[in-house]
Amino acid sequence: MIMKSLYSKFAFITIMIMVVSGIISFLLSNAYYQIKLKQQNDEKITNFAYEIADFASKHPLISLEDYFNHIGAIGYQILLLNNDKDEQFFGSAFREKNLPNDIPSQVLEGKVYHGIRIFPHKTFVTGFFANELKNSVGVLFEYKGKKYAMFIRPDIKLMFNEMHILFGWLLIISIVLSVILVLVSTKFLIKPIRKLNDATKEIAEGNFSIKLDIDRSDELGNLAVSFTRMSQKLAKVDALRKELITNISHDIQSPLTNIKGYLNLMENSDKSEKEKQQYLEVVQSEVNRLSSMTKQLLLLSTIESKTDLMDVSTVDISGQLKAVIHQYEWSTLDKGIMMSYSLPDATVKGDPALLYSVWENLLTNAIKYNRENGTIEIELTETDGEVVVVIIDSGVGLSLKELERIFDRFYRADASRARSVEGTGLGLSIVKSIVDLHHGKIDIESKEGKGTTFTVFLPKL
C-alpha cells in the first residue's frame, strides 16, 4: 500500500539520517582528536613522566621496583631500560612490544620520545586505545648514578573498563530507543495522511460527507481543513449538478409534452381550422421556448469556457441601455409600468453583445416580475475607475432564501408569484457570468412585496 510505502520510506530515511549523522560525528571527533587532543594527551603524559623521573632521581633510597609497581597499579603501563638494555615491565602487559630499535638509545642519550603524538593517524578508537609500546612517551632519568629510559602510557583498559561497558550500553540503548521512537513518531505523522487518503477514496466513490478528526495546528492540520472545505464545496457542486440535471429534464420535458399533446389534437379531424391554428401557435411557442433555452445554455457554456468569446471594444453603456428600453417599451406600456431613467454618457471596454445581454435580461426581469402600473428606475453613474448601473423595480421582490440562490442555473422564484411568467431560469446566471468575465460585480437587494434593486459595477479598463 502507498501509506505503508510512505511509512517505510520515512522511517528508513530518518534512520539513515541518524546513521549518517553518527558516522559524520565520529569522523569529525576523530579529526579533532588527531589534530588537537592527541597533542594535548602527549604533552600531559610527558609532564607526568617528568614528574615520575624527577621523583625517582631525587629519592635514591626508595625501591625503584616498588615505586614503579605502585605507579603501574594506579593505571599506567611502564617499560624501564638501562644502559645494558635490561627490560623491566610494570603494570599490565603491552599488547604489542613494537618499539623501534633505535628509540631506547635515543632516549638514553637524553632525547624525549613522543610516541603518542607521532602515532600513525588511525581511527579515534585505535589511536587513543591502542595498547602498543610505540604508543607511549619516553624520557630519561637517573637513579643511583645509572641512566634509565622510561616509556609510559595510561592503562586505558584499567582506567576505563567500566566506562567502556557503560558507554557501550548507552550506545545500544540510545540506538534502540531512537529506532523505536522514529517508528512510533513516523506512524503518528503518517496517520493523518492515511485518513486523508481514505477520505479521498470516499470522495472518489461519491461520498462527500467527510468528517476528518484531525485536530492539529501544523501543515497537516491546515491540509485537513482545506480538504474538508473542498469536500463541502464538492458536495454543494454535486447537489447543484443533480438539481441542474433535474431542472433541465423538467424544462425540456414540459414543452416536449405540450408539443406532442397539441400535435395529437391537430391530427383529430373533428377540430376546426381555427382550433388547429391555435394549437399550431402553442406548438410554435413551445419550440421557440426550447430554442431559447438551448441558446442560453450554449451561451452560458461558452461564457464559462471563455473560448472564442470576448470581442473587446469600447462599449457605449448609455446607448445600450436606451436601445434596450426602446426595444421593450411595448412591454412596459402593455403592463402600465412607468419608466424613469438617468443615462449620461459612459463607456467601458468589453464585449458589446454580451453586455447588451446583461441589460436585456435585467430589464425583462424587472418587467416580468413587476406589478401592474408599477415603476422601473434606471440610473447610470460614472466614477474614475468604474461605471455603475442601477435598475430598481417595484415588483414582487424576493425572500432571503431566494436571494441566496438567485444566480443559480434554472432557479426561479416561488412559482405562486410567477405562474404567468415564462422563463428558463438561466437569465440571471448568464448575467452573473458575463459580469464576472468583465471583472465586474453585481449586487442585489430585495424585499418581498416591495421590489428589487440590481446594481452592476463594471471597471473601465
Protein backbone atom coordinates (compact mmCIF):
# COMPACT_ATOMS: atom_id res chain seq x y z
CA MET A 1 0.00 0.00 0.00
CA ILE A 2 1.04 3.59 -0.60
CA MET A 3 0.80 4.52 3.06
CA LYS A 4 2.92 1.61 4.16
CA SER A 5 5.41 2.52 1.48
CA LEU A 6 5.46 6.13 2.70
CA TYR A 7 5.77 4.91 6.31
CA SER A 8 8.70 2.65 5.37
CA LYS A 9 10.40 5.36 3.36
CA PHE A 10 10.01 7.95 6.09
CA ALA A 11 11.28 5.58 8.76
CA PHE A 12 14.17 4.40 6.57
CA ILE A 13 15.22 7.95 5.67
CA THR A 14 15.09 9.05 9.33
CA ILE A 15 17.15 6.08 10.49
CA MET A 16 19.64 6.63 7.67
CA ILE A 17 19.95 10.27 8.72
CA MET A 18 20.74 9.08 12.23
CA VAL A 19 23.34 6.62 10.92
CA VAL A 20 24.96 9.10 8.54
CA SER A 21 25.00 11.86 11.16
CA GLY A 22 26.56 9.39 13.62
CA ILE A 23 29.28 8.47 11.13
CA ILE A 24 29.97 12.11 10.32
CA SER A 25 30.09 12.98 14.02
CA PHE A 26 32.52 10.10 14.63
CA LEU A 27 34.77 11.25 11.78
CA LEU A 28 34.72 14.86 12.97
CA SER A 29 35.52 13.86 16.56
CA ASN A 30 38.32 11.63 15.27
CA ALA A 31 39.72 14.54 13.25
CA TYR A 32 39.54 16.74 16.36
CA TYR A 33 41.41 14.09 18.36
CA GLN A 34 44.11 13.69 15.71
CA ILE A 35 44.61 17.45 15.28
CA LYS A 36 44.36 18.69 18.85
CA LEU A 37 43.58 16.20 21.61
CA LYS A 38 46.41 13.83 20.70
CA GLN A 39 48.94 16.63 21.10
CA GLN A 40 47.46 17.61 24.46
CA ASN A 41 47.42 14.00 25.62
CA ASP A 42 51.08 13.52 24.63
CA GLU A 43 52.03 16.70 26.48
CA LYS A 44 50.13 15.66 29.59
CA ILE A 45 51.74 12.19 29.71
CA THR A 46 55.15 13.73 29.05
CA ASN A 47 54.78 16.10 32.01
CA PHE A 48 53.64 13.21 34.19
CA ALA A 49 56.66 11.16 33.07
CA TYR A 50 58.98 14.03 34.02
CA GLU A 51 57.43 14.17 37.48
CA ILE A 52 57.92 10.43 37.96
CA ALA A 53 61.52 10.62 36.73
CA ASP A 54 62.29 13.66 38.88
CA PHE A 55 60.92 11.97 41.99
CA ALA A 56 62.92 8.79 41.34
CA SER A 57 66.10 10.80 40.74
CA LYS A 58 65.69 12.79 43.94
CA HIS A 59 64.87 9.81 46.18
CA PRO A 60 67.61 7.22 45.72
CA LEU A 61 66.66 5.49 48.94
CA ILE A 62 63.30 4.24 47.65
CA SER A 63 62.97 0.89 45.96
CA LEU A 64 62.75 1.59 42.24
CA GLU A 65 60.86 -1.63 41.64
CA ASP A 66 58.30 -0.91 44.37
CA TYR A 67 57.88 2.64 43.16
CA PHE A 68 57.09 1.67 39.58
CA ASN A 69 54.90 -1.23 40.69
CA HIS A 70 52.87 1.29 42.61
CA ILE A 71 52.58 3.63 39.58
CA GLY A 72 51.61 0.65 37.39
CA ALA A 73 48.94 -0.37 39.88
CA ILE A 74 47.23 3.03 39.73
CA GLY A 75 46.72 2.80 35.99
CA TYR A 76 49.89 3.06 33.91
CA GLN A 77 51.94 0.73 31.72
CA ILE A 78 55.70 1.20 32.06
CA LEU A 79 58.88 -0.12 30.47
CA LEU A 80 62.28 0.59 32.06
CA LEU A 81 65.51 0.14 30.13
CA ASN A 82 69.02 0.72 31.43
CA ASN A 83 72.28 1.12 29.56
CA ASP A 84 72.61 -2.66 29.36
CA LYS A 85 69.17 -2.79 27.66
CA ASP A 86 67.75 -4.80 30.52
CA GLU A 87 63.93 -4.58 30.35
CA GLN A 88 61.51 -4.29 33.25
CA PHE A 89 57.73 -4.03 32.74
CA PHE A 90 55.30 -2.65 35.28
CA GLY A 91 51.50 -2.52 35.20
CA SER A 92 49.50 -4.53 32.70
CA ALA A 93 51.25 -6.02 29.68
CA PHE A 94 51.54 -4.26 26.36
CA ARG A 95 49.57 -5.92 23.56
CA GLU A 96 52.41 -5.21 21.14
CA LYS A 97 56.03 -4.58 22.08
CA ASN A 98 56.80 -2.84 18.83
CA LEU A 99 59.13 -0.07 19.94
CA PRO A 100 61.61 0.82 17.17
CA ASN A 101 65.14 -0.47 17.93
CA ASP A 102 66.86 2.94 17.85
CA ILE A 103 64.41 4.67 20.20
CA PRO A 104 65.80 3.32 23.55
CA SER A 105 69.30 4.53 22.64
CA GLN A 106 67.99 7.97 21.71
CA VAL A 107 66.09 8.30 24.99
CA LEU A 108 69.14 7.17 26.98
CA GLU A 109 71.05 9.95 25.22
CA GLY A 110 68.53 12.49 26.53
CA LYS A 111 66.05 12.75 23.67
CA VAL A 112 62.33 12.67 24.57
CA TYR A 113 60.25 10.14 22.68
CA HIS A 114 56.74 11.45 21.77
CA GLY A 115 55.22 8.17 20.64
CA ILE A 116 51.63 9.24 21.39
CA ARG A 117 51.95 12.39 19.29
CA ILE A 118 53.54 10.63 16.30
CA PHE A 119 51.37 7.53 16.49
CA PRO A 120 50.01 6.79 12.98
CA HIS A 121 46.77 8.55 12.06
CA LYS A 122 44.18 5.88 12.53
CA THR A 123 40.67 5.99 13.84
CA PHE A 124 39.92 7.50 17.21
CA VAL A 125 39.48 4.10 18.85
CA THR A 126 42.70 2.54 17.62
CA GLY A 127 44.59 5.80 18.14
CA PHE A 128 43.59 6.55 21.71
CA PHE A 129 43.13 3.00 22.94
CA ALA A 130 45.99 1.30 21.02
CA ASN A 131 47.82 -0.76 23.66
CA GLU A 132 51.17 -0.66 21.88
CA LEU A 133 54.60 0.12 23.22
CA LYS A 134 55.32 2.61 20.47
CA ASN A 135 52.15 4.49 21.53
CA SER A 136 53.90 5.81 24.65
CA VAL A 137 56.13 8.63 25.92
CA GLY A 138 59.84 8.01 26.65
CA VAL A 139 62.04 10.12 28.98
CA LEU A 140 65.46 9.78 30.63
CA PHE A 141 66.08 9.73 34.38
CA GLU A 142 68.96 8.74 36.66
CA TYR A 143 68.74 6.55 39.71
CA LYS A 144 71.79 5.89 41.92
CA GLY A 145 74.12 7.04 39.15
CA LYS A 146 72.58 4.82 36.46
CA LYS A 147 70.63 6.07 33.46
CA TYR A 148 67.20 4.66 32.69
CA ALA A 149 64.88 5.11 29.75
CA MET A 150 61.28 5.10 30.95
CA PHE A 151 58.43 4.50 28.47
CA ILE A 152 54.97 5.13 29.93
CA ARG A 153 51.35 5.30 28.76
CA PRO A 154 47.96 5.21 30.54
CA ASP A 155 46.43 1.79 31.08
CA ILE A 156 43.16 2.58 29.24
CA LYS A 157 41.66 -0.81 29.98
CA LEU A 158 42.18 -0.43 33.73
CA MET A 159 41.10 3.19 33.84
CA PHE A 160 38.06 2.99 31.59
CA ASN A 161 36.91 -0.64 31.64
CA GLU A 162 33.65 0.13 33.48
CA MET A 163 33.18 3.24 31.38
CA HIS A 164 33.56 1.12 28.24
CA ILE A 165 30.70 -1.08 29.40
CA LEU A 166 28.61 1.93 30.41
CA PHE A 167 29.21 3.75 27.12
CA GLY A 168 28.53 0.54 25.21
CA TRP A 169 25.15 0.06 26.89
CA LEU A 170 24.33 3.73 26.49
CA LEU A 171 25.08 3.49 22.77
CA ILE A 172 23.00 0.33 22.31
CA ILE A 173 20.07 1.68 24.34
CA SER A 174 20.15 5.05 22.56
CA ILE A 175 20.13 3.34 19.15
CA VAL A 176 17.26 1.01 20.07
CA LEU A 177 15.22 3.81 21.63
CA SER A 178 15.91 6.08 18.66
CA VAL A 179 14.67 3.44 16.21
CA ILE A 180 11.54 2.78 18.32
CA LEU A 181 10.80 6.49 18.64
CA VAL A 182 11.34 7.01 14.91
CA LEU A 183 8.90 4.19 14.09
CA VAL A 184 6.29 5.49 16.56
CA SER A 185 6.63 9.14 15.54
CA THR A 186 6.53 8.17 11.86
CA LYS A 187 3.30 6.28 12.44
CA PHE A 188 1.91 9.31 14.25
CA LEU A 189 2.86 11.57 11.34
CA ILE A 190 1.55 9.20 8.68
CA LYS A 191 -1.79 8.58 10.46
CA PRO A 192 -3.47 11.81 9.29
CA ILE A 193 -2.17 11.22 5.76
CA ARG A 194 -3.75 7.76 5.85
CA LYS A 195 -7.02 9.35 6.95
CA LEU A 196 -6.79 11.85 4.10
CA ASN A 197 -6.13 9.02 1.68
CA ASP A 198 -9.20 7.12 2.92
CA ALA A 199 -11.25 10.30 2.66
CA THR A 200 -10.06 10.77 -0.91
CA LYS A 201 -11.29 7.28 -1.76
CA GLU A 202 -14.66 8.11 -0.19
CA ILE A 203 -14.94 11.24 -2.31
CA ALA A 204 -13.95 9.28 -5.42
CA GLU A 205 -16.91 6.98 -4.70
CA GLY A 206 -19.28 9.95 -4.43
CA ASN A 207 -19.48 10.29 -0.65
CA PHE A 208 -18.86 13.98 0.11
CA SER A 209 -20.00 13.96 3.75
CA ILE A 210 -16.48 13.54 5.05
CA LYS A 211 -15.59 14.40 8.65
CA LEU A 212 -11.89 14.32 9.46
CA ASP A 213 -10.97 14.08 13.15
CA ILE A 214 -7.59 15.71 12.54
CA ASP A 215 -7.04 18.47 15.07
CA ARG A 216 -3.53 19.78 14.50
CA SER A 217 -2.01 23.23 14.12
CA ASP A 218 0.70 22.25 11.65
CA GLU A 219 0.73 21.84 7.85
CA LEU A 220 -1.17 18.55 8.04
CA GLY A 221 -3.85 20.24 10.11
CA ASN A 222 -4.13 23.02 7.53
CA LEU A 223 -4.32 20.39 4.79
CA ALA A 224 -7.13 18.62 6.65
CA VAL A 225 -9.07 21.90 6.99
CA SER A 226 -8.60 22.65 3.28
CA PHE A 227 -9.62 19.10 2.42
CA THR A 228 -12.79 19.41 4.48
CA ARG A 229 -13.66 22.69 2.78
CA MET A 230 -13.04 21.09 -0.59
CA SER A 231 -15.34 18.16 0.22
CA GLN A 232 -18.05 20.60 1.33
CA LYS A 233 -17.73 22.55 -1.90
CA LEU A 234 -17.78 19.33 -3.91
CA ALA A 235 -20.91 18.29 -2.03
CA LYS A 236 -22.53 21.59 -2.95
CA VAL A 237 -21.42 21.27 -6.58
CA ASP A 238 -22.76 17.71 -6.70
CA ALA A 239 -26.10 18.88 -5.30
CA LEU A 240 -26.23 21.68 -7.85
CA ARG A 241 -25.34 19.23 -10.62
CA LYS A 242 -28.16 16.91 -9.66
CA GLU A 243 -30.55 19.82 -9.41
CA LEU A 244 -29.33 21.11 -12.76
CA ILE A 245 -29.99 17.76 -14.41
CA THR A 246 -33.45 17.62 -12.81
CA ASN A 247 -34.28 21.16 -13.93
CA ILE A 248 -33.01 20.60 -17.47
CA SER A 249 -35.00 17.39 -17.73
CA HIS A 250 -38.13 19.10 -16.42
CA ASP A 251 -37.76 22.25 -18.52
CA ILE A 252 -37.19 20.27 -21.69
CA GLN A 253 -39.75 17.58 -20.99
CA SER A 254 -42.54 20.09 -20.29
CA PRO A 255 -42.56 21.80 -23.74
CA LEU A 256 -41.98 18.48 -25.48
CA THR A 257 -45.03 17.05 -23.74
CA ASN A 258 -47.07 20.09 -24.76
CA ILE A 259 -45.88 19.83 -28.36
CA LYS A 260 -46.74 16.13 -28.50
CA GLY A 261 -50.16 16.73 -26.96
CA TYR A 262 -51.13 19.54 -29.32
CA LEU A 263 -49.84 17.66 -32.36
CA ASN A 264 -52.07 14.74 -31.37
CA LEU A 265 -55.01 17.15 -31.11
CA MET A 266 -54.22 18.56 -34.57
CA GLU A 267 -54.49 15.06 -36.02
CA ASN A 268 -58.13 14.95 -34.89
CA SER A 269 -60.23 15.75 -37.97
CA ASP A 270 -63.09 16.98 -35.81
CA LYS A 271 -61.11 20.10 -34.90
CA SER A 272 -61.78 23.28 -36.79
CA GLU A 273 -59.13 25.16 -38.70
CA LYS A 274 -59.27 27.93 -36.13
CA GLU A 275 -58.59 25.50 -33.29
CA LYS A 276 -55.79 23.86 -35.24
CA GLN A 277 -54.26 27.28 -35.85
CA GLN A 278 -54.38 27.98 -32.11
CA TYR A 279 -52.73 24.63 -31.42
CA LEU A 280 -50.08 25.40 -34.02
CA GLU A 281 -49.33 28.73 -32.32
CA VAL A 282 -48.88 26.94 -28.98
CA VAL A 283 -46.54 24.41 -30.62
CA GLN A 284 -44.58 27.26 -32.20
CA SER A 285 -44.34 28.99 -28.83
CA GLU A 286 -43.01 25.84 -27.17
CA VAL A 287 -40.49 25.34 -29.98
CA ASN A 288 -39.30 28.93 -29.51
CA ARG A 289 -39.04 28.27 -25.79
CA LEU A 290 -36.86 25.20 -26.41
CA SER A 291 -34.75 27.12 -28.90
CA SER A 292 -34.27 29.99 -26.45
CA MET A 293 -33.29 27.58 -23.67
CA THR A 294 -30.79 25.81 -25.91
CA LYS A 295 -29.22 29.11 -26.99
CA GLN A 296 -28.96 30.30 -23.40
CA LEU A 297 -27.34 27.03 -22.31
CA LEU A 298 -24.83 27.27 -25.15
CA LEU A 299 -24.14 30.92 -24.28
CA LEU A 300 -23.63 30.08 -20.62
CA SER A 301 -21.32 27.19 -21.50
CA THR A 302 -19.33 29.38 -23.88
CA ILE A 303 -19.03 32.16 -21.31
CA GLU A 304 -17.72 29.79 -18.63
CA SER A 305 -15.27 28.10 -21.00
CA LYS A 306 -14.06 31.56 -22.10
CA THR A 307 -13.18 30.31 -25.58
CA ASP A 308 -13.64 32.48 -28.68
CA LEU A 309 -15.70 34.82 -26.58
CA MET A 310 -14.51 38.30 -25.86
CA ASP A 311 -14.75 40.71 -28.78
CA VAL A 312 -13.43 43.65 -26.80
CA SER A 313 -14.14 47.18 -27.92
CA THR A 314 -15.36 50.46 -26.46
CA VAL A 315 -18.96 49.97 -25.37
CA ASP A 316 -21.41 52.87 -25.04
CA ILE A 317 -23.34 51.78 -21.93
CA SER A 318 -25.77 54.71 -22.13
CA GLY A 319 -26.58 53.91 -25.76
CA GLN A 320 -27.11 50.21 -25.00
CA LEU A 321 -29.48 50.96 -22.10
CA LYS A 322 -31.50 53.36 -24.26
CA ALA A 323 -31.73 50.74 -27.00
CA VAL A 324 -32.97 48.07 -24.57
CA ILE A 325 -35.52 50.48 -23.07
CA HIS A 326 -36.80 51.31 -26.57
CA GLN A 327 -36.88 47.60 -27.54
CA TYR A 328 -39.15 46.68 -24.61
CA GLU A 329 -41.16 49.86 -24.48
CA TRP A 330 -44.25 47.98 -25.67
CA SER A 331 -43.99 45.61 -22.67
CA THR A 332 -43.90 48.46 -20.17
CA LEU A 333 -46.83 50.20 -21.86
CA ASP A 334 -48.82 46.98 -22.01
CA LYS A 335 -48.34 46.48 -18.25
CA GLY A 336 -48.79 50.15 -17.40
CA ILE A 337 -45.29 50.43 -15.95
CA MET A 338 -43.83 53.92 -15.56
CA MET A 339 -40.21 54.04 -16.70
CA SER A 340 -37.76 56.70 -15.49
CA TYR A 341 -34.05 56.85 -16.17
CA SER A 342 -30.94 58.99 -15.95
CA LEU A 343 -28.40 57.93 -18.58
CA PRO A 344 -25.40 60.26 -19.01
CA ASP A 345 -22.68 59.21 -21.44
CA ALA A 346 -20.44 56.43 -20.12
CA THR A 347 -18.19 53.86 -21.81
CA VAL A 348 -16.26 50.76 -20.81
CA LYS A 349 -14.02 48.23 -22.53
CA GLY A 350 -15.88 44.98 -23.10
CA ASP A 351 -17.86 42.75 -25.41
CA PRO A 352 -20.85 44.76 -26.73
CA ALA A 353 -23.09 41.75 -27.47
CA LEU A 354 -22.55 40.20 -24.04
CA LEU A 355 -23.08 43.46 -22.15
CA TYR A 356 -26.24 44.11 -24.15
CA SER A 357 -27.46 40.69 -22.97
CA VAL A 358 -26.90 41.82 -19.37
CA TRP A 359 -29.14 44.92 -19.70
CA GLU A 360 -31.73 42.96 -21.68
CA ASN A 361 -32.00 40.22 -19.04
CA LEU A 362 -32.16 42.68 -16.14
CA LEU A 363 -34.79 44.86 -17.79
CA THR A 364 -37.01 41.96 -18.90
CA ASN A 365 -36.82 40.56 -15.35
CA ALA A 366 -37.84 43.96 -13.96
CA ILE A 367 -40.83 43.96 -16.32
CA LYS A 368 -41.84 40.30 -15.84
CA TYR A 369 -41.84 40.38 -12.06
CA ASN A 370 -43.26 43.87 -11.70
CA ARG A 371 -46.83 44.59 -10.67
CA GLU A 372 -49.43 46.24 -12.89
CA ASN A 373 -48.89 50.02 -13.10
CA GLY A 374 -45.59 49.66 -11.28
CA THR A 375 -42.34 51.56 -11.76
CA ILE A 376 -38.83 50.93 -13.06
CA GLU A 377 -35.91 53.29 -12.43
CA ILE A 378 -32.57 53.06 -14.24
CA GLU A 379 -29.57 55.10 -13.08
CA LEU A 380 -26.20 55.28 -14.77
CA THR A 381 -23.26 56.87 -12.95
CA GLU A 382 -19.55 57.04 -13.67
CA THR A 383 -16.55 57.32 -11.35
CA ASP A 384 -12.82 57.47 -12.03
CA GLY A 385 -12.49 53.71 -12.12
CA GLU A 386 -15.88 52.18 -12.94
CA VAL A 387 -19.34 52.53 -14.39
CA VAL A 388 -22.33 51.75 -12.16
CA VAL A 389 -25.77 50.75 -13.45
CA VAL A 390 -28.71 50.53 -11.02
CA ILE A 391 -32.07 49.02 -12.03
CA ILE A 392 -34.88 49.37 -9.48
CA ASP A 393 -38.33 47.81 -9.86
CA SER A 394 -41.46 47.83 -7.72
CA GLY A 395 -42.19 44.15 -8.29
CA VAL A 396 -42.93 41.14 -6.11
CA GLY A 397 -39.47 41.09 -4.54
CA LEU A 398 -37.56 38.11 -3.16
CA SER A 399 -37.18 36.38 0.18
CA LEU A 400 -33.81 35.94 1.89
CA LYS A 401 -33.78 32.26 0.90
CA GLU A 402 -34.42 33.14 -2.73
CA LEU A 403 -31.72 35.81 -2.70
CA GLU A 404 -29.13 33.18 -1.79
CA ARG A 405 -29.83 31.20 -4.96
CA ILE A 406 -31.00 33.84 -7.41
CA PHE A 407 -27.91 33.42 -9.63
CA ASP A 408 -28.08 29.59 -9.74
CA ARG A 409 -28.93 27.98 -13.05
CA PHE A 410 -32.60 27.14 -13.63
CA TYR A 411 -33.51 28.64 -10.29
CA ARG A 412 -36.75 30.57 -10.31
CA ALA A 413 -38.60 32.34 -7.54
CA ASP A 414 -41.72 30.93 -5.90
CA ALA A 415 -43.99 29.69 -8.67
CA SER A 416 -47.05 31.04 -6.87
CA ARG A 417 -45.80 34.56 -7.57
CA ALA A 418 -44.71 33.89 -11.14
CA ARG A 419 -47.14 31.40 -12.57
CA SER A 420 -47.88 33.55 -15.57
CA VAL A 421 -44.21 34.36 -16.23
CA GLU A 422 -42.37 32.31 -18.80
CA GLY A 423 -38.64 31.80 -18.36
CA THR A 424 -35.81 29.31 -18.30
CA GLY A 425 -34.17 30.29 -15.03
CA LEU A 426 -30.89 30.92 -16.89
CA GLY A 427 -31.05 34.69 -17.41
CA LEU A 428 -29.52 35.87 -14.13
CA SER A 429 -26.95 33.08 -14.22
CA ILE A 430 -25.85 34.38 -17.63
CA VAL A 431 -25.80 37.96 -16.30
CA LYS A 432 -23.55 36.94 -13.37
CA SER A 433 -21.17 35.03 -15.67
CA ILE A 434 -20.87 37.95 -18.12
CA VAL A 435 -20.23 40.49 -15.36
CA ASP A 436 -17.59 38.19 -13.81
CA LEU A 437 -15.99 37.79 -17.23
CA HIS A 438 -15.65 41.57 -17.43
CA HIS A 439 -14.07 41.60 -13.92
CA GLY A 440 -17.11 43.41 -12.56
CA LYS A 441 -19.55 42.81 -9.74
CA ILE A 442 -23.32 42.55 -9.39
CA ASP A 443 -25.25 43.18 -6.18
CA ILE A 444 -28.90 42.57 -5.43
CA GLU A 445 -31.19 43.99 -2.76
CA SER A 446 -34.81 42.92 -2.44
CA LYS A 447 -37.76 42.85 -0.09
CA GLU A 448 -40.84 40.72 -0.55
CA GLY A 449 -43.70 42.77 -1.97
CA LYS A 450 -41.58 45.93 -2.29
CA GLY A 451 -39.37 45.32 -5.29
CA THR A 452 -35.80 44.52 -6.25
CA THR A 453 -32.65 46.53 -6.97
CA PHE A 454 -29.83 45.24 -9.17
CA THR A 455 -26.50 47.14 -9.13
CA VAL A 456 -23.84 46.34 -11.72
CA PHE A 457 -20.27 47.60 -11.30
CA LEU A 458 -18.06 47.49 -14.43
CA PRO A 459 -14.39 48.60 -14.46
CA LYS A 460 -13.48 50.97 -17.28
CA LEU A 461 -10.27 49.13 -18.23
